[in-house]
Amino acid sequence: MNAVDRNASNVRPPGKSDPGQIVLVLQGGGALGSYQAGVYQALHEAGIEPDWIIGTSIGAINASLIAGNSPQNRLSRLREFWKKMEQNPIWSFRDIFPGFNEKLSYWATVTNGIPGFFRPNPLAHAGDSYPLGADNAGYYSTAPLERTLTDLVDFNLLNACKPRLTVGAAHVRSSQMRYFDSRDGELTIRHIMASGALPPAFPAIRIDGELYWDGGILSNTPTEAVFDDNPRRNSLIFAVHLWNPSGDEPATMRDVLNRHKDVQYSSRIASHIARQQQAHRLRHVINQLVARLPEEERRLDAVRELASYGCPTRMHVVRLLAPQLECETHTKDIDFSPAGIMQRWDAGYAHTRAVLERKPWVGEFDPLSGVILHEHPGEALQAAAE
């Protein structure tokens, strides 16, 4: 099946009550990615399956678990994966010292890794000039992740492009973002692992002779892939964000480290959306202007070329934002404690159910608006308070 056929086969034509293709966009964020699993659970229970999933880092891993399984098995595979990710301390001090279990989980992860995800690379501590080799230069090995994905993801099903899958990775030598797309070619387990190869923890992954790192170091919010797609389509985009772009002024060093990570990995979400809103509004303006020209003018080659810069598509972006848990620190992205995973999963589920009940994309909108942003109620209240 060629690329055009595969792309056309899983996209519904937009209608009055149907905003077009359903797109799920998943950020990178390590352990925070359990929030994305909760988002998918709510969509799945509502009978909404994505036509296209775009992911970076842990978002690419979650995306592969969805795209690489039949709809009836997707949720169970996500549960199985995240169960493997749990870091359970040998001793429990939950009732005596609140929060101490989470600290034990953190140190267990740093020293021992996660059995189904990564394990320490002892040679990385032999000195910063020790010749590890380009394919092994990382503090941990991700060989366990390769085995986990082999067990949980059917790559034949994934490459059937139902749904279409796109994963982002950073080309090491050129510093260029690369999106690998199942519409355009076969994806393998190495493409998923490359998207999650965050340095210096994890070594780069080689694809077609070139090394790639985690796409989050260049663009952790891969919504741009939807806006830049060719051809563009009417879309309902569930953009799942794990890092908070807004926050209080930090007063302690712990606050500074936590806020720094949020700023770094939230990837200028607000400015990206604002630019896309401006660009798509101009495309709609061009359409309106061309429609006012006489028919004979519209037939001219020069006018047809100018008209091609217009675009009639409309994209509704539903932004879902993971919550900040009590006593959260900059180590939250490696908080693989059962409690942390469960709380974030439950929050993703609750936020998405609330949005689906509201259906904010249904209604009348400014005809010149090509990109319309919707936030879940909790996020909107937080923004108003600030």
Protein backbone atom coordinates (compact mmCIF):
# COMPACT_ATOMS: atom_id res chain seq x y z
CA MET A 1 0.00 0.00 0.00
CA ASN A 2 1.50 3.35 -0.97
CA ALA A 3 1.77 6.38 1.29
CA VAL A 4 -1.24 8.19 -0.15
CA ASP A 5 -3.49 5.14 0.19
CA ARG A 6 -2.38 4.47 3.75
CA ASN A 7 -2.95 8.06 4.77
CA ALA A 8 -6.38 8.29 3.18
CA SER A 9 -7.60 5.02 4.69
CA ASN A 10 -7.76 6.21 8.30
CA VAL A 11 -8.95 9.81 7.97
CA ARG A 12 -12.65 10.58 8.25
CA PRO A 13 -14.11 13.38 6.12
CA PRO A 14 -14.97 16.40 8.28
CA GLY A 15 -18.61 17.25 8.80
CA LYS A 16 -20.75 19.65 10.80
CA SER A 17 -20.51 17.53 13.98
CA ASP A 18 -17.18 15.87 13.11
CA PRO A 19 -14.10 18.10 13.43
CA GLY A 20 -12.02 15.81 11.20
CA GLN A 21 -9.13 13.52 12.03
CA ILE A 22 -8.45 12.77 15.70
CA VAL A 23 -4.83 13.49 16.61
CA LEU A 24 -3.13 12.60 19.90
CA VAL A 25 0.08 14.54 20.63
CA LEU A 26 2.26 13.23 23.45
CA GLN A 27 5.15 15.16 25.04
CA GLY A 28 8.28 13.66 26.57
CA GLY A 29 8.62 13.55 30.34
CA GLY A 30 9.72 10.16 31.67
CA ALA A 31 7.59 8.99 34.58
CA LEU A 32 5.16 11.86 33.98
CA GLY A 33 4.02 9.91 30.92
CA SER A 34 1.61 7.85 33.04
CA TYR A 35 -0.68 10.91 32.74
CA GLN A 36 -0.85 10.21 28.98
CA ALA A 37 -2.01 6.66 29.66
CA GLY A 38 -4.90 8.06 31.70
CA VAL A 39 -5.79 10.40 28.84
CA TYR A 40 -5.91 7.48 26.43
CA GLN A 41 -8.03 5.42 28.83
CA ALA A 42 -10.71 8.15 28.88
CA LEU A 43 -10.67 8.47 25.09
CA HIS A 44 -10.83 4.69 24.66
CA GLU A 45 -13.77 4.33 27.04
CA ALA A 46 -15.57 7.09 25.14
CA GLY A 47 -15.08 5.16 21.88
CA ILE A 48 -12.60 7.71 20.52
CA GLU A 49 -9.54 6.15 18.88
CA PRO A 50 -6.90 8.43 17.32
CA ASP A 51 -6.30 8.50 13.56
CA TRP A 52 -2.80 9.85 14.14
CA ILE A 53 -0.49 9.78 17.16
CA ILE A 54 2.61 11.95 17.43
CA GLY A 55 5.03 11.36 20.28
CA THR A 56 8.43 12.29 21.62
CA SER A 57 10.41 10.34 24.23
CA ILE A 58 8.01 8.65 26.69
CA GLY A 59 5.26 10.01 24.41
CA ALA A 60 6.70 7.95 21.55
CA ILE A 61 6.76 4.85 23.77
CA ASN A 62 3.14 5.30 24.84
CA ALA A 63 2.23 6.02 21.22
CA SER A 64 3.87 2.77 20.05
CA LEU A 65 1.92 0.80 22.65
CA ILE A 66 -1.31 2.25 21.26
CA ALA A 67 -0.49 2.07 17.55
CA GLY A 68 1.16 -1.35 17.88
CA ASN A 69 -1.88 -3.11 19.34
CA SER A 70 -5.48 -3.69 18.30
CA PRO A 71 -8.01 -1.37 19.99
CA GLN A 72 -9.23 -4.04 22.41
CA ASN A 73 -5.66 -4.67 23.67
CA ARG A 74 -4.28 -1.14 23.82
CA LEU A 75 -5.31 -0.27 27.36
CA SER A 76 -4.12 -3.58 28.80
CA ARG A 77 -0.72 -3.13 27.09
CA LEU A 78 -0.38 0.35 28.56
CA ARG A 79 -1.20 -1.04 32.00
CA GLU A 80 1.32 -3.84 31.57
CA PHE A 81 4.04 -1.42 30.50
CA TRP A 82 3.48 0.97 33.39
CA LYS A 83 3.33 -1.91 35.86
CA LYS A 84 6.81 -2.88 34.64
CA MET A 85 7.95 0.71 35.25
CA GLU A 86 7.02 0.72 38.94
CA GLN A 87 9.92 1.12 41.35
CA ASN A 88 8.91 -0.50 44.62
CA PRO A 89 11.28 0.06 47.56
CA ILE A 90 12.13 -3.02 49.60
CA TRP A 91 11.11 -1.29 52.82
CA SER A 92 8.05 0.88 53.36
CA PHE A 93 7.98 3.92 55.65
CA ARG A 94 4.81 5.47 54.22
CA ASP A 95 2.94 5.71 57.52
CA ILE A 96 5.97 6.80 59.58
CA PHE A 97 7.66 9.29 57.24
CA PRO A 98 5.31 10.69 54.54
CA GLY A 99 7.15 11.09 51.24
CA PHE A 100 10.06 8.90 52.29
CA ASN A 101 8.93 6.01 50.08
CA GLU A 102 9.16 8.30 47.07
CA LYS A 103 12.74 9.22 48.03
CA LEU A 104 13.62 5.54 48.34
CA SER A 105 12.07 4.94 44.92
CA TYR A 106 14.16 7.79 43.45
CA TRP A 107 17.45 6.47 44.79
CA ALA A 108 16.57 2.92 43.77
CA THR A 109 15.96 4.18 40.22
CA VAL A 110 19.23 6.14 40.09
CA THR A 111 21.35 3.30 41.43
CA ASN A 112 19.65 0.24 39.96
CA GLY A 113 17.60 1.54 37.02
CA ILE A 114 14.17 0.12 36.10
CA PRO A 115 14.18 -3.61 35.22
CA GLY A 116 11.91 -3.18 32.19
CA PHE A 117 13.42 0.13 31.05
CA PHE A 118 17.11 0.76 31.73
CA ARG A 119 20.05 -0.58 33.74
CA PRO A 120 23.30 1.06 34.89
CA ASN A 121 26.29 1.13 32.56
CA PRO A 122 29.25 0.66 34.97
CA LEU A 123 31.86 1.64 32.35
CA ALA A 124 30.32 5.14 32.14
CA HIS A 125 31.85 5.80 35.57
CA ALA A 126 35.35 4.80 34.48
CA GLY A 127 36.11 8.45 33.70
CA ASP A 128 34.66 11.05 31.36
CA SER A 129 37.34 10.25 28.75
CA TYR A 130 36.85 6.50 28.80
CA PRO A 131 36.19 5.27 25.21
CA LEU A 132 32.65 3.87 25.52
CA GLY A 133 31.95 4.17 21.80
CA ALA A 134 29.24 6.33 20.22
CA ASP A 135 26.59 3.60 20.50
CA ASN A 136 27.17 3.03 24.22
CA ALA A 137 27.94 6.51 25.54
CA GLY A 138 25.38 6.84 28.33
CA TYR A 139 25.14 6.27 32.06
CA TYR A 140 22.55 3.55 31.46
CA SER A 141 21.79 0.88 28.88
CA THR A 142 18.27 0.78 27.38
CA ALA A 143 18.53 -2.89 26.37
CA PRO A 144 15.72 -3.74 28.86
CA LEU A 145 13.40 -1.29 27.06
CA GLU A 146 14.09 -3.04 23.76
CA ARG A 147 12.98 -6.35 25.27
CA THR A 148 9.89 -4.75 26.82
CA LEU A 149 8.77 -3.15 23.56
CA THR A 150 9.45 -6.38 21.67
CA ASP A 151 7.04 -8.15 24.01
CA LEU A 152 4.32 -5.48 24.05
CA VAL A 153 4.32 -3.90 20.56
CA ASP A 154 3.32 -5.59 17.27
CA PHE A 155 5.35 -3.64 14.71
CA ASN A 156 3.51 -5.21 11.77
CA LEU A 157 0.30 -3.78 13.19
CA LEU A 158 2.02 -0.48 13.98
CA ASN A 159 3.15 -0.12 10.36
CA ALA A 160 -0.36 -0.75 9.05
CA CYS A 161 -0.79 2.99 9.77
CA LYS A 162 -4.09 2.57 11.63
CA PRO A 163 -3.44 4.83 13.43
CA ARG A 164 -0.65 6.71 11.72
CA LEU A 165 2.37 7.10 14.02
CA THR A 166 4.99 9.85 14.03
CA VAL A 167 7.93 9.98 16.47
CA GLY A 168 10.45 12.80 16.89
CA ALA A 169 14.21 12.40 17.34
CA ALA A 170 17.22 14.72 17.30
CA HIS A 171 19.93 14.05 14.70
CA VAL A 172 23.14 14.13 16.74
CA ARG A 173 25.56 15.41 14.09
CA SER A 174 23.37 18.17 12.62
CA SER A 175 21.18 19.21 15.60
CA GLN A 176 18.15 18.87 13.30
CA MET A 177 14.76 17.55 14.37
CA ARG A 178 13.66 14.47 12.44
CA TYR A 179 10.13 13.10 12.42
CA PHE A 180 9.86 9.43 11.48
CA ASP A 181 6.39 8.71 10.09
CA SER A 182 4.67 5.37 9.44
CA ARG A 183 2.87 7.03 6.53
CA ASP A 184 6.16 7.52 4.74
CA GLY A 185 8.11 4.40 5.68
CA GLU A 186 8.48 1.45 8.04
CA LEU A 187 9.10 2.19 11.72
CA THR A 188 11.11 -0.21 13.87
CA ILE A 189 11.81 -0.57 17.54
CA ARG A 190 14.94 1.54 17.04
CA HIS A 191 12.88 4.56 15.93
CA ILE A 192 10.91 4.41 19.19
CA MET A 193 14.07 3.99 21.27
CA ALA A 194 15.82 6.83 19.43
CA SER A 195 12.98 9.18 20.33
CA GLY A 196 13.55 8.33 24.00
CA ALA A 197 17.37 8.31 24.04
CA LEU A 198 17.81 11.24 26.44
CA PRO A 199 21.49 12.16 26.98
CA PRO A 200 23.58 11.80 29.05
CA ALA A 201 21.49 9.10 30.74
CA PHE A 202 20.84 7.04 27.61
CA PRO A 203 23.09 6.40 24.59
CA ALA A 204 22.10 7.58 21.13
CA ILE A 205 20.41 5.07 18.80
CA ARG A 206 21.72 4.48 15.30
CA ILE A 207 19.24 4.48 12.39
CA ASP A 208 20.44 4.08 8.81
CA GLY A 209 23.99 4.74 9.95
CA GLU A 210 23.17 7.97 11.82
CA LEU A 211 22.87 8.58 15.55
CA TYR A 212 19.75 10.08 17.13
CA TRP A 213 18.95 11.38 20.60
CA ASP A 214 15.67 12.11 22.35
CA GLY A 215 13.62 14.58 20.28
CA GLY A 216 12.71 16.47 23.45
CA ILE A 217 16.09 18.19 23.55
CA LEU A 218 15.05 20.10 20.40
CA SER A 219 11.25 20.15 20.47
CA ASN A 220 9.42 18.45 23.32
CA THR A 221 5.98 19.49 22.06
CA PRO A 222 5.59 17.89 18.61
CA THR A 223 2.28 19.60 17.75
CA GLU A 224 4.21 21.38 14.99
CA ALA A 225 4.10 18.17 12.96
CA VAL A 226 0.30 18.51 12.67
CA PHE A 227 0.38 22.16 11.67
CA ASP A 228 3.08 21.51 9.06
CA ASP A 229 1.54 18.34 7.61
CA ASN A 230 0.96 18.20 3.86
CA PRO A 231 -1.85 18.20 3.04
CA ARG A 232 -3.34 19.79 6.15
CA ARG A 233 -6.68 18.44 7.36
CA ASN A 234 -9.45 19.50 9.68
CA SER A 235 -8.31 18.11 13.03
CA LEU A 236 -9.30 17.65 16.65
CA ILE A 237 -5.94 17.58 18.44
CA PHE A 238 -5.59 16.31 22.00
CA ALA A 239 -2.24 17.85 22.99
CA VAL A 240 -1.05 16.21 26.21
CA HIS A 241 1.49 18.34 28.07
CA LEU A 242 3.55 17.04 30.98
CA TRP A 243 5.52 20.17 31.90
CA ASN A 244 3.80 23.26 33.26
CA PRO A 245 4.56 26.42 31.23
CA SER A 246 3.25 28.61 34.09
CA GLY A 247 4.45 28.57 37.67
CA ASP A 248 5.25 30.54 40.82
CA GLU A 249 8.49 32.39 41.44
CA PRO A 250 10.95 29.89 42.97
CA ALA A 251 12.00 30.71 46.53
CA THR A 252 14.24 27.72 47.30
CA MET A 253 16.87 25.83 45.33
CA ARG A 254 14.45 22.90 45.10
CA ASP A 255 11.90 25.27 43.55
CA VAL A 256 14.52 26.62 41.14
CA LEU A 257 15.49 23.16 39.90
CA ASN A 258 11.83 22.15 39.49
CA ARG A 259 10.80 25.33 37.70
CA HIS A 260 13.88 25.19 35.46
CA LYS A 261 12.82 21.77 34.13
CA ASP A 262 9.25 22.95 33.51
CA VAL A 263 10.50 25.97 31.56
CA GLN A 264 13.03 23.91 29.61
CA TYR A 265 10.70 21.13 28.51
CA SER A 266 7.39 22.94 28.11
CA SER A 267 8.88 24.05 24.76
CA ARG A 268 7.32 27.52 24.51
CA ILE A 269 3.84 26.04 24.12
CA ALA A 270 1.96 29.35 24.33
CA SER A 271 4.10 31.12 21.71
CA HIS A 272 3.93 28.12 19.33
CA ILE A 273 0.13 28.08 19.46
CA ALA A 274 -0.08 31.87 19.12
CA ARG A 275 2.09 31.82 15.96
CA GLN A 276 0.04 29.03 14.45
CA GLN A 277 -3.17 30.92 15.20
CA GLN A 278 -1.79 33.96 13.37
CA ALA A 279 -0.56 31.92 10.40
CA HIS A 280 -3.82 30.01 9.98
CA ARG A 281 -5.86 33.19 10.32
CA LEU A 282 -3.89 34.69 7.44
CA ARG A 283 -4.57 31.56 5.37
CA HIS A 284 -8.28 31.98 6.00
CA VAL A 285 -8.04 35.68 5.12
CA ILE A 286 -6.47 34.72 1.78
CA ASN A 287 -9.38 32.38 1.10
CA GLN A 288 -11.87 35.15 1.84
CA LEU A 289 -10.04 37.63 -0.41
CA VAL A 290 -9.82 35.16 -3.31
CA ALA A 291 -13.54 34.41 -2.99
CA ARG A 292 -14.26 38.11 -3.59
CA LEU A 293 -12.39 38.18 -6.91
CA PRO A 294 -14.26 37.83 -10.20
CA GLU A 295 -14.19 34.32 -11.69
CA GLU A 296 -11.99 35.38 -14.61
CA GLU A 297 -9.38 36.79 -12.19
CA ARG A 298 -9.32 33.56 -10.18
CA ARG A 299 -8.45 31.60 -13.32
CA LEU A 300 -5.22 33.53 -13.86
CA ASP A 301 -2.07 31.54 -13.08
CA ALA A 302 -0.61 34.31 -10.91
CA VAL A 303 -3.79 34.54 -8.83
CA ARG A 304 -4.01 30.75 -8.52
CA GLU A 305 -0.47 30.66 -7.17
CA LEU A 306 -1.24 33.36 -4.60
CA ALA A 307 -4.48 31.59 -3.66
CA SER A 308 -2.52 28.41 -2.92
CA TYR A 309 -1.17 30.09 0.22
CA GLY A 310 -4.68 29.99 1.63
CA CYS A 311 -6.06 27.04 3.59
CA PRO A 312 -9.64 26.27 4.67
CA THR A 313 -8.76 23.78 7.40
CA ARG A 314 -9.68 24.26 11.04
CA MET A 315 -7.75 22.71 13.91
CA HIS A 316 -9.18 22.47 17.41
CA VAL A 317 -6.38 22.01 19.97
CA VAL A 318 -7.50 20.57 23.31
CA ARG A 319 -4.67 21.15 25.77
CA LEU A 320 -4.46 18.68 28.66
CA LEU A 321 -1.90 19.54 31.33
CA ALA A 322 -0.50 17.12 33.91
CA PRO A 323 -0.91 18.37 37.49
CA GLN A 324 1.85 19.24 39.89
CA LEU A 325 1.68 16.77 42.75
CA GLU A 326 2.18 17.81 46.37
CA CYS A 327 5.88 18.12 47.32
CA GLU A 328 6.87 17.59 43.66
CA THR A 329 10.55 18.24 42.86
CA HIS A 330 12.82 18.33 39.81
CA THR A 331 13.15 14.53 40.09
CA LYS A 332 9.47 14.05 39.13
CA ASP A 333 10.37 12.69 35.70
CA ILE A 334 12.02 9.69 37.35
CA ASP A 335 9.33 9.29 40.00
CA PHE A 336 8.39 5.74 39.05
CA SER A 337 6.88 5.09 42.48
CA PRO A 338 3.53 3.25 42.28
CA ALA A 339 1.81 6.20 43.99
CA GLY A 340 3.24 8.74 41.54
CA ILE A 341 2.29 6.65 38.50
CA MET A 342 -1.22 6.06 39.82
CA GLN A 343 -1.88 9.71 40.72
CA ARG A 344 -0.81 10.97 37.29
CA TRP A 345 -2.72 8.24 35.44
CA ASP A 346 -5.89 9.08 37.42
CA ALA A 347 -5.44 12.81 36.74
CA GLY A 348 -5.13 12.24 32.98
CA TYR A 349 -8.27 10.14 33.05
CA ALA A 350 -10.26 12.71 35.06
CA HIS A 351 -9.11 15.72 32.99
CA THR A 352 -9.97 14.02 29.71
CA ARG A 353 -13.38 12.85 30.86
CA ALA A 354 -14.19 16.42 31.91
CA VAL A 355 -13.19 17.74 28.47
CA LEU A 356 -15.16 15.07 26.64
CA GLU A 357 -18.27 15.96 28.62
CA ARG A 358 -17.92 19.63 27.62
CA LYS A 359 -17.06 19.03 23.93
CA PRO A 360 -15.69 22.59 23.57
CA TRP A 361 -14.96 22.04 19.85
CA VAL A 362 -18.70 21.87 19.06
CA GLY A 363 -20.33 25.21 18.28
CA GLU A 364 -19.99 28.36 16.19
CA PHE A 365 -16.55 29.94 15.80
CA ASP A 366 -14.98 32.92 14.05
CA PRO A 367 -14.77 31.89 10.36
CA LEU A 368 -11.27 33.40 10.17
CA SER A 369 -9.96 31.23 13.04
CA GLY A 370 -7.98 28.28 11.75
CA VAL A 371 -6.51 27.18 15.10
CA ILE A 372 -8.73 27.24 18.19
CA LEU A 373 -7.27 26.44 21.61
CA HIS A 374 -9.34 24.76 24.35
CA GLU A 375 -8.08 24.14 27.88
CA HIS A 376 -9.48 21.76 30.46
CA PRO A 377 -11.40 23.48 33.30
CA GLY A 378 -8.67 23.06 35.95
CA GLU A 379 -6.06 24.65 33.72
CA ALA A 380 -8.33 27.54 32.78
CA LEU A 381 -9.06 28.25 36.47
CA GLN A 382 -5.35 28.17 37.26
CA ALA A 383 -4.59 30.65 34.46
CA ALA A 384 -7.36 32.97 35.67
CA ALA A 385 -5.96 32.91 39.20
CA GLU A 386 -2.55 33.97 37.91
